[in-house]
Amino acid sequence: MSNKNTQKALFFVLDYRSRSTTDNPSSERVCKALYRLISFVENDRFCPLEPLLNEMLYGSKQSISNVEFEKPKHYVYVPRIIVTPTQEFLVPPELVAENRVIRSYGHEYTMRIAFRDEDFSKLQSTSLDGLVDVLNERVVQFLSTGVELCGRHFDFLACSNSQLRDHGAWLYAHDGKYTAADIRESLGELDKIRCVATYVSRMGQCFSSTKESVKVKITEGCSIENIEDIKKDYENSLFKCCGEVRSGTYTFSDGIGKLSKALSKKVRVKRSYSKMFL
């Protein structure tokens, strides 16, 4: 997409009020049309901006900019920034399902960042040296120093498991009370995990899309029982990944827990599940 075409589209938007008042679209419709235009650009980086915008405001695609979209429950709008090897793009907020972190700290100071090639596809290169340069100068730089935007400094927070596959991450700006480091510290005791991939994956579980069901208050007088992990020893097992023979202990802790019948009934009623689930 050339700068010339981008400028023409912007001048078209700024000049729309000079048209006849009967054909003049409202500011709200122009905003909706621009929002829809982003989706066209994401699918085709070289799409004709001015003709598409003209069609949505005055032509056969007016219905697209007139549609009223109702935000579903348990969803919030989160700002996005797309970083390519040469540019940064601020795009309209993305509709994102709530997760544990958003419910605890809100979404007002969050941002999602995605790293893309110039055509908005995933980063890739036929030259390893070229890809390493891009990773160091763009990915590492942004995640290390953060993003300064509108008086706020957004630092790297974490990334969900799906974002890892999609080359994205969550950012968080200091809200006067909490920082990104404070939030990470509150997500669990993960300091004993020495493997970087495992650490990021465990933290990413807190950012998986979930729906709130029942709040459980731990009041004075309640007893907390520590449920021991299920473990299994192994001896002289061959690890094909490294060709080494090792002995140790497997710990099965993911997805394992206990729930009382009374609490499971509350969850079932709240989420409208049938009895076959809980």
C-alpha atoms as a PDB file:
ATOM      1  CA  MET A   1       0.000   0.000   0.000  1.00  0.00           C
ATOM      2  CA  SER A   2       1.713   3.220  -1.094  1.00  0.00           C
ATOM      3  CA  ASN A   3       1.758   6.412   0.959  1.00  0.00           C
ATOM      4  CA  LYS A   4       0.132   8.185  -2.007  1.00  0.00           C
ATOM      5  CA  ASN A   5      -2.930   5.940  -1.898  1.00  0.00           C
ATOM      6  CA  THR A   6      -3.147   6.259   1.885  1.00  0.00           C
ATOM      7  CA  GLN A   7      -3.059  10.058   1.642  1.00  0.00           C
ATOM      8  CA  LYS A   8      -5.759  10.039  -1.032  1.00  0.00           C
ATOM      9  CA  ALA A   9      -8.046   7.993   1.227  1.00  0.00           C
ATOM     10  CA  LEU A  10      -7.418  10.325   4.172  1.00  0.00           C
ATOM     11  CA  PHE A  11      -8.138  13.424   2.080  1.00  0.00           C
ATOM     12  CA  PHE A  12     -11.328  11.717   0.890  1.00  0.00           C
ATOM     13  CA  VAL A  13     -12.464  11.293   4.513  1.00  0.00           C
ATOM     14  CA  LEU A  14     -11.586  14.869   5.448  1.00  0.00           C
ATOM     15  CA  ASP A  15     -13.369  16.198   2.375  1.00  0.00           C
ATOM     16  CA  TYR A  16     -16.621  14.246   2.737  1.00  0.00           C
ATOM     17  CA  ARG A  17     -18.398  17.158   4.494  1.00  0.00           C
ATOM     18  CA  SER A  18     -17.908  19.360   1.446  1.00  0.00           C
ATOM     19  CA  ARG A  19     -20.438  17.216  -0.402  1.00  0.00           C
ATOM     20  CA  SER A  20     -24.141  18.009  -0.474  1.00  0.00           C
ATOM     21  CA  THR A  21     -25.821  17.859   2.923  1.00  0.00           C
ATOM     22  CA  THR A  22     -28.357  15.337   1.741  1.00  0.00           C
ATOM     23  CA  ASP A  23     -25.634  12.837   0.884  1.00  0.00           C
ATOM     24  CA  ASN A  24     -23.436  13.671   3.853  1.00  0.00           C
ATOM     25  CA  PRO A  25     -22.894  10.631   6.110  1.00  0.00           C
ATOM     26  CA  SER A  26     -22.820  11.203   9.834  1.00  0.00           C
ATOM     27  CA  SER A  27     -19.570  11.172  11.768  1.00  0.00           C
ATOM     28  CA  GLU A  28     -20.700   7.942  13.414  1.00  0.00           C
ATOM     29  CA  ARG A  29     -21.149   6.249  10.044  1.00  0.00           C
ATOM     30  CA  VAL A  30     -17.759   7.461   8.852  1.00  0.00           C
ATOM     31  CA  CYS A  31     -16.165   5.953  11.974  1.00  0.00           C
ATOM     32  CA  LYS A  32     -17.951   2.644  11.372  1.00  0.00           C
ATOM     33  CA  ALA A  33     -16.842   2.653   7.738  1.00  0.00           C
ATOM     34  CA  LEU A  34     -13.227   3.272   8.743  1.00  0.00           C
ATOM     35  CA  TYR A  35     -13.467   0.474  11.292  1.00  0.00           C
ATOM     36  CA  ARG A  36     -14.743  -1.912   8.613  1.00  0.00           C
ATOM     37  CA  LEU A  37     -12.042  -0.707   6.231  1.00  0.00           C
ATOM     38  CA  ILE A  38      -9.402  -2.070   8.598  1.00  0.00           C
ATOM     39  CA  SER A  39     -10.709  -5.620   8.122  1.00  0.00           C
ATOM     40  CA  PHE A  40     -10.361  -5.229   4.347  1.00  0.00           C
ATOM     41  CA  VAL A  41      -6.773  -4.015   4.792  1.00  0.00           C
ATOM     42  CA  GLU A  42      -5.905  -6.917   7.090  1.00  0.00           C
ATOM     43  CA  ASN A  43      -7.127  -9.388   4.466  1.00  0.00           C
ATOM     44  CA  ASP A  44      -5.541  -7.526   1.542  1.00  0.00           C
ATOM     45  CA  ARG A  45      -2.753  -5.043   2.280  1.00  0.00           C
ATOM     46  CA  PHE A  46      -2.979  -3.669  -1.261  1.00  0.00           C
ATOM     47  CA  CYS A  47      -6.742  -3.185  -1.489  1.00  0.00           C
ATOM     48  CA  PRO A  48      -8.027   0.094  -3.050  1.00  0.00           C
ATOM     49  CA  LEU A  49      -8.761   2.247   0.006  1.00  0.00           C
ATOM     50  CA  GLU A  50     -10.600   5.164  -1.594  1.00  0.00           C
ATOM     51  CA  PRO A  51     -13.008   3.099  -3.754  1.00  0.00           C
ATOM     52  CA  LEU A  52     -13.847   0.817  -0.822  1.00  0.00           C
ATOM     53  CA  LEU A  53     -14.495   3.737   1.515  1.00  0.00           C
ATOM     54  CA  ASN A  54     -16.566   5.458  -1.166  1.00  0.00           C
ATOM     55  CA  GLU A  55     -18.682   2.314  -1.596  1.00  0.00           C
ATOM     56  CA  MET A  56     -19.293   2.042   2.171  1.00  0.00           C
ATOM     57  CA  LEU A  57     -20.306   5.691   2.486  1.00  0.00           C
ATOM     58  CA  TYR A  58     -22.197   6.295  -0.753  1.00  0.00           C
ATOM     59  CA  GLY A  59     -22.367   3.080  -2.791  1.00  0.00           C
ATOM     60  CA  SER A  60     -23.425  -0.529  -2.693  1.00  0.00           C
ATOM     61  CA  LYS A  61     -21.631  -1.321   0.588  1.00  0.00           C
ATOM     62  CA  GLN A  62     -23.513   1.216   2.729  1.00  0.00           C
ATOM     63  CA  SER A  63     -25.175  -1.603   4.658  1.00  0.00           C
ATOM     64  CA  ILE A  64     -21.773  -2.578   6.075  1.00  0.00           C
ATOM     65  CA  SER A  65     -21.319   0.797   7.775  1.00  0.00           C
ATOM     66  CA  ASN A  66     -24.943   0.906   8.953  1.00  0.00           C
ATOM     67  CA  VAL A  67     -24.906  -2.359  10.880  1.00  0.00           C
ATOM     68  CA  GLU A  68     -25.267  -1.940  14.651  1.00  0.00           C
ATOM     69  CA  PHE A  69     -23.026  -4.367  16.469  1.00  0.00           C
ATOM     70  CA  GLU A  70     -23.913  -5.359  20.026  1.00  0.00           C
ATOM     71  CA  LYS A  71     -20.991  -6.349  22.232  1.00  0.00           C
ATOM     72  CA  PRO A  72     -21.489  -9.863  23.618  1.00  0.00           C
ATOM     73  CA  LYS A  73     -21.308 -10.485  27.338  1.00  0.00           C
ATOM     74  CA  HIS A  74     -17.910 -11.420  28.758  1.00  0.00           C
ATOM     75  CA  TYR A  75     -16.160  -9.516  25.954  1.00  0.00           C
ATOM     76  CA  VAL A  76     -14.208  -6.250  26.015  1.00  0.00           C
ATOM     77  CA  TYR A  77     -12.564  -3.995  23.439  1.00  0.00           C
ATOM     78  CA  VAL A  78      -8.752  -3.950  23.678  1.00  0.00           C
ATOM     79  CA  PRO A  79      -6.502  -1.620  21.594  1.00  0.00           C
ATOM     80  CA  ARG A  80      -4.087  -3.241  19.156  1.00  0.00           C
ATOM     81  CA  ILE A  81      -0.746  -2.355  17.652  1.00  0.00           C
ATOM     82  CA  ILE A  82       0.761  -4.275  14.739  1.00  0.00           C
ATOM     83  CA  VAL A  83       4.537  -4.131  14.346  1.00  0.00           C
ATOM     84  CA  THR A  84       6.153  -4.989  11.019  1.00  0.00           C
ATOM     85  CA  PRO A  85       9.875  -4.911  10.152  1.00  0.00           C
ATOM     86  CA  THR A  86       9.576  -1.283   9.021  1.00  0.00           C
ATOM     87  CA  GLN A  87       6.383   0.221  10.505  1.00  0.00           C
ATOM     88  CA  GLU A  88       3.931   0.277  13.402  1.00  0.00           C
ATOM     89  CA  PHE A  89       0.172   0.307  12.838  1.00  0.00           C
ATOM     90  CA  LEU A  90      -2.403   1.377  15.422  1.00  0.00           C
ATOM     91  CA  VAL A  91      -5.603  -0.435  14.526  1.00  0.00           C
ATOM     92  CA  PRO A  92      -9.124  -0.267  16.031  1.00  0.00           C
ATOM     93  CA  PRO A  93      -9.753  -2.051  19.337  1.00  0.00           C
ATOM     94  CA  GLU A  94     -10.258  -5.786  19.054  1.00  0.00           C
ATOM     95  CA  LEU A  95     -13.154  -7.641  20.646  1.00  0.00           C
ATOM     96  CA  VAL A  96     -11.531 -10.020  23.142  1.00  0.00           C
ATOM     97  CA  ALA A  97     -13.069 -12.581  25.492  1.00  0.00           C
ATOM     98  CA  GLU A  98     -12.480 -11.916  29.176  1.00  0.00           C
ATOM     99  CA  ASN A  99      -9.867 -13.805  31.138  1.00  0.00           C
ATOM    100  CA  ARG A 100      -8.765 -14.019  34.747  1.00  0.00           C
ATOM    101  CA  VAL A 101      -6.410 -11.008  34.476  1.00  0.00           C
ATOM    102  CA  ILE A 102      -8.939  -8.731  32.778  1.00  0.00           C
ATOM    103  CA  ARG A 103     -11.561  -9.490  35.414  1.00  0.00           C
ATOM    104  CA  SER A 104      -9.088  -8.717  38.207  1.00  0.00           C
ATOM    105  CA  TYR A 105      -7.348  -5.622  36.801  1.00  0.00           C
ATOM    106  CA  GLY A 106      -9.664  -4.330  34.074  1.00  0.00           C
ATOM    107  CA  HIS A 107      -8.947  -3.791  30.385  1.00  0.00           C
ATOM    108  CA  GLU A 108      -8.587  -0.008  30.322  1.00  0.00           C
ATOM    109  CA  TYR A 109      -4.775  -0.111  30.580  1.00  0.00           C
ATOM    110  CA  THR A 110      -4.152  -3.175  28.423  1.00  0.00           C
ATOM    111  CA  MET A 111      -3.040  -3.445  24.819  1.00  0.00           C
ATOM    112  CA  ARG A 112      -2.366  -6.341  22.478  1.00  0.00           C
ATOM    113  CA  ILE A 113       0.705  -6.327  20.242  1.00  0.00           C
ATOM    114  CA  ALA A 114       1.230  -8.516  17.178  1.00  0.00           C
ATOM    115  CA  PHE A 115       4.371  -8.944  15.080  1.00  0.00           C
ATOM    116  CA  ARG A 116       3.774  -9.347  11.363  1.00  0.00           C
ATOM    117  CA  ASP A 117       5.519  -9.239   8.019  1.00  0.00           C
ATOM    118  CA  GLU A 118       4.832  -6.298   5.699  1.00  0.00           C
ATOM    119  CA  ASP A 119       1.821  -8.079   4.174  1.00  0.00           C
ATOM    120  CA  PHE A 120       0.438  -8.804   7.678  1.00  0.00           C
ATOM    121  CA  SER A 121       1.324 -12.490   7.451  1.00  0.00           C
ATOM    122  CA  LYS A 122       3.368 -14.183  10.193  1.00  0.00           C
ATOM    123  CA  LEU A 123       7.037 -13.290  10.343  1.00  0.00           C
ATOM    124  CA  GLN A 124       9.111 -15.554   8.155  1.00  0.00           C
ATOM    125  CA  SER A 125      12.252 -15.344   6.083  1.00  0.00           C
ATOM    126  CA  THR A 126      14.255 -17.449   3.651  1.00  0.00           C
ATOM    127  CA  SER A 127      17.398 -15.972   5.196  1.00  0.00           C
ATOM    128  CA  LEU A 128      18.093 -16.907   8.809  1.00  0.00           C
ATOM    129  CA  ASP A 129      20.341 -13.857   9.300  1.00  0.00           C
ATOM    130  CA  GLY A 130      17.605 -11.543   8.057  1.00  0.00           C
ATOM    131  CA  LEU A 131      15.036 -13.039  10.419  1.00  0.00           C
ATOM    132  CA  VAL A 132      17.429 -12.776  13.377  1.00  0.00           C
ATOM    133  CA  ASP A 133      17.957  -9.072  12.632  1.00  0.00           C
ATOM    134  CA  VAL A 134      14.200  -8.468  12.552  1.00  0.00           C
ATOM    135  CA  LEU A 135      13.690 -10.387  15.805  1.00  0.00           C
ATOM    136  CA  ASN A 136      16.411  -8.414  17.581  1.00  0.00           C
ATOM    137  CA  GLU A 137      15.602  -4.963  16.216  1.00  0.00           C
ATOM    138  CA  ARG A 138      11.801  -5.184  16.291  1.00  0.00           C
ATOM    139  CA  VAL A 139      10.483  -7.981  18.510  1.00  0.00           C
ATOM    140  CA  VAL A 140      13.087  -7.887  21.280  1.00  0.00           C
ATOM    141  CA  GLN A 141      13.209  -4.089  21.233  1.00  0.00           C
ATOM    142  CA  PHE A 142       9.449  -3.616  21.639  1.00  0.00           C
ATOM    143  CA  LEU A 143       9.073  -6.310  24.278  1.00  0.00           C
ATOM    144  CA  SER A 144      12.092  -4.998  26.235  1.00  0.00           C
ATOM    145  CA  THR A 145      11.456  -1.242  26.115  1.00  0.00           C
ATOM    146  CA  GLY A 146       7.662  -1.197  25.749  1.00  0.00           C
ATOM    147  CA  VAL A 147       5.425   1.176  23.796  1.00  0.00           C
ATOM    148  CA  GLU A 148       4.874   4.874  24.556  1.00  0.00           C
ATOM    149  CA  LEU A 149       1.399   5.962  23.485  1.00  0.00           C
ATOM    150  CA  CYS A 150      -0.865   8.870  24.481  1.00  0.00           C
ATOM    151  CA  GLY A 151       1.033   9.580  27.679  1.00  0.00           C
ATOM    152  CA  ARG A 152       1.054   5.943  28.751  1.00  0.00           C
ATOM    153  CA  HIS A 153       3.980   3.536  28.740  1.00  0.00           C
ATOM    154  CA  PHE A 154       2.894  -0.020  27.930  1.00  0.00           C
ATOM    155  CA  ASP A 155       5.247  -2.763  29.154  1.00  0.00           C
ATOM    156  CA  PHE A 156       5.268  -6.428  28.214  1.00  0.00           C
ATOM    157  CA  LEU A 157       2.891  -8.341  30.478  1.00  0.00           C
ATOM    158  CA  ALA A 158       2.596 -11.919  29.222  1.00  0.00           C
ATOM    159  CA  CYS A 159       1.055 -13.910  26.409  1.00  0.00           C
ATOM    160  CA  SER A 160      -1.580 -16.599  26.204  1.00  0.00           C
ATOM    161  CA  ASN A 161      -0.829 -19.961  24.614  1.00  0.00           C
ATOM    162  CA  SER A 162      -2.732 -18.950  21.477  1.00  0.00           C
ATOM    163  CA  GLN A 163      -0.757 -15.693  21.241  1.00  0.00           C
ATOM    164  CA  LEU A 164       2.491 -17.656  21.329  1.00  0.00           C
ATOM    165  CA  ARG A 165       1.396 -19.413  18.148  1.00  0.00           C
ATOM    166  CA  ASP A 166       0.168 -16.140  16.645  1.00  0.00           C
ATOM    167  CA  HIS A 167       3.294 -14.060  17.435  1.00  0.00           C
ATOM    168  CA  GLY A 168       1.478 -11.741  19.833  1.00  0.00           C
ATOM    169  CA  ALA A 169       1.482 -10.628  23.452  1.00  0.00           C
ATOM    170  CA  TRP A 170      -0.314  -8.564  26.106  1.00  0.00           C
ATOM    171  CA  LEU A 171       0.989  -5.153  27.203  1.00  0.00           C
ATOM    172  CA  TYR A 172       0.004  -3.227  30.318  1.00  0.00           C
ATOM    173  CA  ALA A 173       0.452   0.432  31.267  1.00  0.00           C
ATOM    174  CA  HIS A 174       1.004   1.513  34.859  1.00  0.00           C
ATOM    175  CA  ASP A 175      -2.451   2.519  36.112  1.00  0.00           C
ATOM    176  CA  GLY A 176      -1.195   4.366  39.174  1.00  0.00           C
ATOM    177  CA  LYS A 177      -1.541   1.280  41.315  1.00  0.00           C
ATOM    178  CA  TYR A 178      -0.360  -1.806  39.450  1.00  0.00           C
ATOM    179  CA  THR A 179       2.450  -2.438  36.998  1.00  0.00           C
ATOM    180  CA  ALA A 180       2.954  -5.339  34.607  1.00  0.00           C
ATOM    181  CA  ALA A 181       5.459  -6.839  37.069  1.00  0.00           C
ATOM    182  CA  ASP A 182       2.909  -6.608  39.908  1.00  0.00           C
ATOM    183  CA  ILE A 183       0.335  -8.495  37.848  1.00  0.00           C
ATOM    184  CA  ARG A 184       2.780 -11.238  36.875  1.00  0.00           C
ATOM    185  CA  GLU A 185       3.734 -11.694  40.522  1.00  0.00           C
ATOM    186  CA  SER A 186       0.080 -12.152  41.478  1.00  0.00           C
ATOM    187  CA  LEU A 187      -0.522 -14.954  38.976  1.00  0.00           C
ATOM    188  CA  GLY A 188       1.063 -17.689  41.063  1.00  0.00           C
ATOM    189  CA  GLU A 189       4.279 -19.060  42.482  1.00  0.00           C
ATOM    190  CA  LEU A 190       6.137 -19.710  39.263  1.00  0.00           C
ATOM    191  CA  ASP A 191       9.630 -18.669  40.331  1.00  0.00           C
ATOM    192  CA  LYS A 192      10.768 -22.289  40.716  1.00  0.00           C
ATOM    193  CA  ILE A 193      10.162 -23.019  37.028  1.00  0.00           C
ATOM    194  CA  ARG A 194      13.533 -22.712  35.288  1.00  0.00           C
ATOM    195  CA  CYS A 195      12.438 -23.624  31.760  1.00  0.00           C
ATOM    196  CA  VAL A 196      11.447 -20.449  29.875  1.00  0.00           C
ATOM    197  CA  ALA A 197       8.913 -22.215  27.626  1.00  0.00           C
ATOM    198  CA  THR A 198       7.205 -23.870  30.606  1.00  0.00           C
ATOM    199  CA  TYR A 199       7.183 -20.600  32.578  1.00  0.00           C
ATOM    200  CA  VAL A 200       5.539 -18.664  29.736  1.00  0.00           C
ATOM    201  CA  SER A 201       3.050 -21.463  29.113  1.00  0.00           C
ATOM    202  CA  ARG A 202       2.020 -21.695  32.782  1.00  0.00           C
ATOM    203  CA  MET A 203       1.555 -17.928  33.005  1.00  0.00           C
ATOM    204  CA  GLY A 204      -0.303 -17.933  29.707  1.00  0.00           C
ATOM    205  CA  GLN A 205      -3.036 -20.103  31.215  1.00  0.00           C
ATOM    206  CA  CYS A 206      -4.184 -17.048  33.199  1.00  0.00           C
ATOM    207  CA  PHE A 207      -4.836 -15.270  29.892  1.00  0.00           C
ATOM    208  CA  SER A 208      -6.906 -18.050  28.342  1.00  0.00           C
ATOM    209  CA  SER A 209     -10.462 -16.960  27.559  1.00  0.00           C
ATOM    210  CA  THR A 210     -12.798 -17.867  30.407  1.00  0.00           C
ATOM    211  CA  LYS A 211     -16.226 -16.872  31.682  1.00  0.00           C
ATOM    212  CA  GLU A 212     -16.839 -15.895  35.275  1.00  0.00           C
ATOM    213  CA  SER A 213     -19.291 -18.164  37.032  1.00  0.00           C
ATOM    214  CA  VAL A 214     -19.197 -18.181  40.841  1.00  0.00           C
ATOM    215  CA  LYS A 215     -17.119 -16.094  43.223  1.00  0.00           C
ATOM    216  CA  VAL A 216     -15.812 -17.946  46.268  1.00  0.00           C
ATOM    217  CA  LYS A 217     -14.920 -15.864  49.315  1.00  0.00           C
ATOM    218  CA  ILE A 218     -12.415 -17.249  51.785  1.00  0.00           C
ATOM    219  CA  THR A 219     -13.639 -15.848  55.097  1.00  0.00           C
ATOM    220  CA  GLU A 220     -12.201 -16.116  58.578  1.00  0.00           C
ATOM    221  CA  GLY A 221     -12.669 -19.598  60.021  1.00  0.00           C
ATOM    222  CA  CYS A 222     -12.416 -21.393  56.666  1.00  0.00           C
ATOM    223  CA  SER A 223      -9.792 -24.111  56.457  1.00  0.00           C
ATOM    224  CA  ILE A 224      -7.634 -24.508  53.349  1.00  0.00           C
ATOM    225  CA  GLU A 225      -6.498 -28.015  52.502  1.00  0.00           C
ATOM    226  CA  ASN A 226      -3.335 -28.468  50.481  1.00  0.00           C
ATOM    227  CA  ILE A 227      -3.985 -31.169  47.871  1.00  0.00           C
ATOM    228  CA  GLU A 228      -0.831 -33.068  47.109  1.00  0.00           C
ATOM    229  CA  ASP A 229       0.220 -33.454  43.488  1.00  0.00           C
ATOM    230  CA  ILE A 230       0.016 -36.851  41.831  1.00  0.00           C
ATOM    231  CA  LYS A 231       3.560 -38.046  41.171  1.00  0.00           C
ATOM    232  CA  LYS A 232       5.147 -41.006  39.423  1.00  0.00           C
ATOM    233  CA  ASP A 233       8.801 -42.000  39.436  1.00  0.00           C
ATOM    234  CA  TYR A 234      10.632 -43.067  36.299  1.00  0.00           C
ATOM    235  CA  GLU A 235      14.040 -44.701  35.920  1.00  0.00           C
ATOM    236  CA  ASN A 236      16.481 -44.991  33.035  1.00  0.00           C
ATOM    237  CA  SER A 237      14.045 -43.516  30.506  1.00  0.00           C
ATOM    238  CA  LEU A 238      15.402 -42.509  27.101  1.00  0.00           C
ATOM    239  CA  PHE A 239      14.536 -38.936  26.072  1.00  0.00           C
ATOM    240  CA  LYS A 240      14.572 -38.927  22.277  1.00  0.00           C
ATOM    241  CA  CYS A 241      14.736 -35.128  22.135  1.00  0.00           C
ATOM    242  CA  CYS A 242      18.273 -35.088  23.504  1.00  0.00           C
ATOM    243  CA  GLY A 243      19.253 -38.756  23.388  1.00  0.00           C
ATOM    244  CA  GLU A 244      19.863 -38.842  27.140  1.00  0.00           C
ATOM    245  CA  VAL A 245      18.834 -41.504  29.657  1.00  0.00           C
ATOM    246  CA  ARG A 246      17.352 -39.966  32.786  1.00  0.00           C
ATOM    247  CA  SER A 247      15.652 -40.848  36.049  1.00  0.00           C
ATOM    248  CA  GLY A 248      13.318 -38.635  38.028  1.00  0.00           C
ATOM    249  CA  THR A 249       9.710 -37.914  38.972  1.00  0.00           C
ATOM    250  CA  TYR A 250       6.753 -36.813  36.855  1.00  0.00           C
ATOM    251  CA  THR A 251       4.346 -34.394  38.540  1.00  0.00           C
ATOM    252  CA  PHE A 252       0.763 -34.464  37.242  1.00  0.00           C
ATOM    253  CA  SER A 253      -0.772 -31.184  38.355  1.00  0.00           C
ATOM    254  CA  ASP A 254      -2.445 -29.612  35.298  1.00  0.00           C
ATOM    255  CA  GLY A 255      -6.219 -29.808  35.241  1.00  0.00           C
ATOM    256  CA  ILE A 256      -6.429 -31.749  38.484  1.00  0.00           C
ATOM    257  CA  GLY A 257      -8.488 -30.453  41.415  1.00  0.00           C
ATOM    258  CA  LYS A 258     -11.432 -31.059  43.697  1.00  0.00           C
ATOM    259  CA  LEU A 259     -14.824 -29.378  43.816  1.00  0.00           C
ATOM    260  CA  SER A 260     -17.590 -29.841  46.344  1.00  0.00           C
ATOM    261  CA  LYS A 261     -21.046 -30.917  45.157  1.00  0.00           C
ATOM    262  CA  ALA A 262     -22.581 -27.706  46.526  1.00  0.00           C
ATOM    263  CA  LEU A 263     -20.168 -25.500  44.576  1.00  0.00           C
ATOM    264  CA  SER A 264     -20.459 -27.600  41.429  1.00  0.00           C
ATOM    265  CA  LYS A 265     -24.250 -27.137  41.567  1.00  0.00           C
ATOM    266  CA  LYS A 266     -23.837 -23.347  41.788  1.00  0.00           C
ATOM    267  CA  VAL A 267     -21.528 -23.389  38.774  1.00  0.00           C
ATOM    268  CA  ARG A 268     -23.960 -25.567  36.812  1.00  0.00           C
ATOM    269  CA  VAL A 269     -26.894 -23.281  37.539  1.00  0.00           C
ATOM    270  CA  LYS A 270     -24.897 -20.122  36.769  1.00  0.00           C
ATOM    271  CA  ARG A 271     -23.576 -21.457  33.460  1.00  0.00           C
ATOM    272  CA  SER A 272     -26.856 -23.249  32.590  1.00  0.00           C
ATOM    273  CA  TYR A 273     -25.082 -26.590  32.213  1.00  0.00           C
ATOM    274  CA  SER A 274     -26.987 -29.845  32.233  1.00  0.00           C
ATOM    275  CA  LYS A 275     -26.434 -32.361  35.027  1.00  0.00           C
ATOM    276  CA  MET A 276     -24.269 -34.496  32.771  1.00  0.00           C
ATOM    277  CA  PHE A 277     -21.462 -31.926  33.077  1.00  0.00           C
ATOM    278  CA  LEU A 278     -21.436 -31.441  36.836  1.00  0.00           C
END
